[in-house]
Amino acid sequence: MRTENDVLQNVLNVAVRDLLNQMIRWHLFLREGHPIDMGILDCNMERLLEEDLFLLYKITYPIADCEKIREAFDAAAKLWNILGNDVAAQCGYSYPIDTKKTC
């Protein structure tokens, strides 16, 4: 059963986050006067964005704790692998274990 929390989390991460990240890029572009390399998956954001704005940005993640985020990512990957194996088996395919090992 979906809860209001599920819907809000989905809206924040799917509908809002990409637009917010684009706004940050515009802000940095206008501040610097040229395009800014945000790095792979915006890994340079903390270094590039003003400290007060980055702290506010971190709050947009309900748990702004890297360890908790890693745990959530690991749980998503584990769930994906479980479901991927099941779906592949039911459709008569083998799950690409070699691909899993390289990620």
Protein backbone atom coordinates (compact mmCIF):
# COMPACT_ATOMS: atom_id res chain seq x y z
CA MET A 1 0.00 0.00 0.00
CA ARG A 2 1.38 3.37 -1.00
CA THR A 3 1.42 6.04 1.62
CA GLU A 4 1.54 9.80 1.32
CA ASN A 5 5.22 9.53 2.26
CA ASP A 6 5.89 7.34 -0.81
CA VAL A 7 4.22 9.88 -3.09
CA LEU A 8 6.05 12.84 -1.57
CA GLN A 9 9.42 11.05 -1.80
CA ASN A 10 8.75 10.18 -5.44
CA VAL A 11 7.73 13.74 -6.34
CA LEU A 12 10.80 15.15 -4.59
CA ASN A 13 13.28 12.76 -6.19
CA VAL A 14 11.74 12.46 -9.66
CA ALA A 15 9.89 15.68 -10.41
CA VAL A 16 11.78 18.22 -8.29
CA ARG A 17 15.40 17.11 -7.95
CA ASP A 18 16.40 17.36 -11.64
CA LEU A 19 14.87 20.82 -11.91
CA LEU A 20 16.54 21.94 -8.68
CA ASN A 21 19.91 20.67 -9.92
CA GLN A 22 19.43 22.57 -13.17
CA MET A 23 18.67 25.73 -11.19
CA ILE A 24 21.91 25.22 -9.25
CA ARG A 25 23.81 24.95 -12.55
CA TRP A 26 22.24 28.20 -13.74
CA HIS A 27 23.15 29.87 -10.45
CA LEU A 28 26.77 28.74 -10.76
CA PHE A 29 26.92 29.74 -14.43
CA LEU A 30 25.66 33.24 -13.68
CA ARG A 31 27.97 33.59 -10.67
CA GLU A 32 31.06 32.46 -12.61
CA GLY A 33 30.10 33.75 -16.06
CA HIS A 34 30.78 30.42 -17.77
CA PRO A 35 29.59 26.81 -17.64
CA ILE A 36 30.76 24.93 -14.55
CA ASP A 37 31.84 21.28 -14.50
CA MET A 38 29.70 19.77 -11.77
CA GLY A 39 31.56 16.47 -12.05
CA ILE A 40 30.16 13.01 -12.52
CA LEU A 41 26.74 12.85 -10.83
CA ASP A 42 27.34 16.38 -9.50
CA CYS A 43 30.17 15.21 -7.24
CA ASN A 44 31.70 18.72 -7.19
CA MET A 45 28.55 20.40 -5.88
CA GLU A 46 29.71 20.69 -2.28
CA ARG A 47 32.93 22.37 -3.37
CA LEU A 48 31.28 24.71 -5.89
CA LEU A 49 28.10 25.81 -4.12
CA GLU A 50 28.16 28.37 -1.34
CA GLU A 51 28.26 26.65 2.07
CA ASP A 52 24.86 27.90 3.25
CA LEU A 53 23.22 26.84 -0.02
CA PHE A 54 24.86 23.41 0.06
CA LEU A 55 23.67 22.88 3.64
CA LEU A 56 20.15 23.76 2.50
CA TYR A 57 20.52 21.40 -0.46
CA LYS A 58 21.53 18.56 1.88
CA ILE A 59 18.28 19.08 3.76
CA THR A 60 16.40 18.24 0.55
CA TYR A 61 17.48 14.67 1.21
CA PRO A 62 15.32 13.41 4.09
CA ILE A 63 18.34 11.70 5.60
CA ALA A 64 21.40 13.76 4.74
CA ASP A 65 23.67 11.06 6.11
CA CYS A 66 26.04 9.43 3.62
CA GLU A 67 26.03 6.11 5.49
CA LYS A 68 22.21 5.96 5.47
CA ILE A 69 22.16 6.91 1.78
CA ARG A 70 24.68 4.15 1.03
CA GLU A 71 22.54 1.69 3.01
CA ALA A 72 19.48 2.79 1.00
CA PHE A 73 21.41 2.40 -2.26
CA ASP A 74 22.69 -1.05 -1.22
CA ALA A 75 19.14 -2.08 -0.29
CA ALA A 76 17.87 -0.87 -3.68
CA ALA A 77 20.64 -2.82 -5.46
CA LYS A 78 19.88 -5.96 -3.43
CA LEU A 79 16.15 -5.64 -4.15
CA TRP A 80 16.91 -5.10 -7.85
CA ASN A 81 19.04 -8.26 -7.95
CA ILE A 82 16.41 -10.36 -6.18
CA LEU A 83 13.62 -9.11 -8.43
CA GLY A 84 15.81 -9.27 -11.54
CA ASN A 85 16.59 -12.92 -10.92
CA ASP A 86 12.92 -13.69 -10.35
CA VAL A 87 11.69 -11.80 -13.42
CA ALA A 88 14.43 -13.30 -15.63
CA ALA A 89 13.63 -16.82 -14.42
CA GLN A 90 9.90 -16.39 -14.99
CA CYS A 91 10.54 -15.08 -18.51
CA GLY A 92 12.90 -17.95 -19.37
CA TYR A 93 16.11 -15.96 -19.23
CA SER A 94 19.16 -16.15 -17.03
CA TYR A 95 20.03 -13.12 -14.94
CA PRO A 96 23.30 -11.51 -16.19
CA ILE A 97 25.50 -12.38 -13.19
CA ASP A 98 28.64 -11.15 -14.97
CA THR A 99 27.09 -7.69 -15.34
CA LYS A 100 26.24 -7.65 -11.64
CA LYS A 101 29.84 -8.49 -10.72
CA THR A 102 31.23 -5.51 -12.68
CA CYS A 103 29.03 -2.91 -11.03
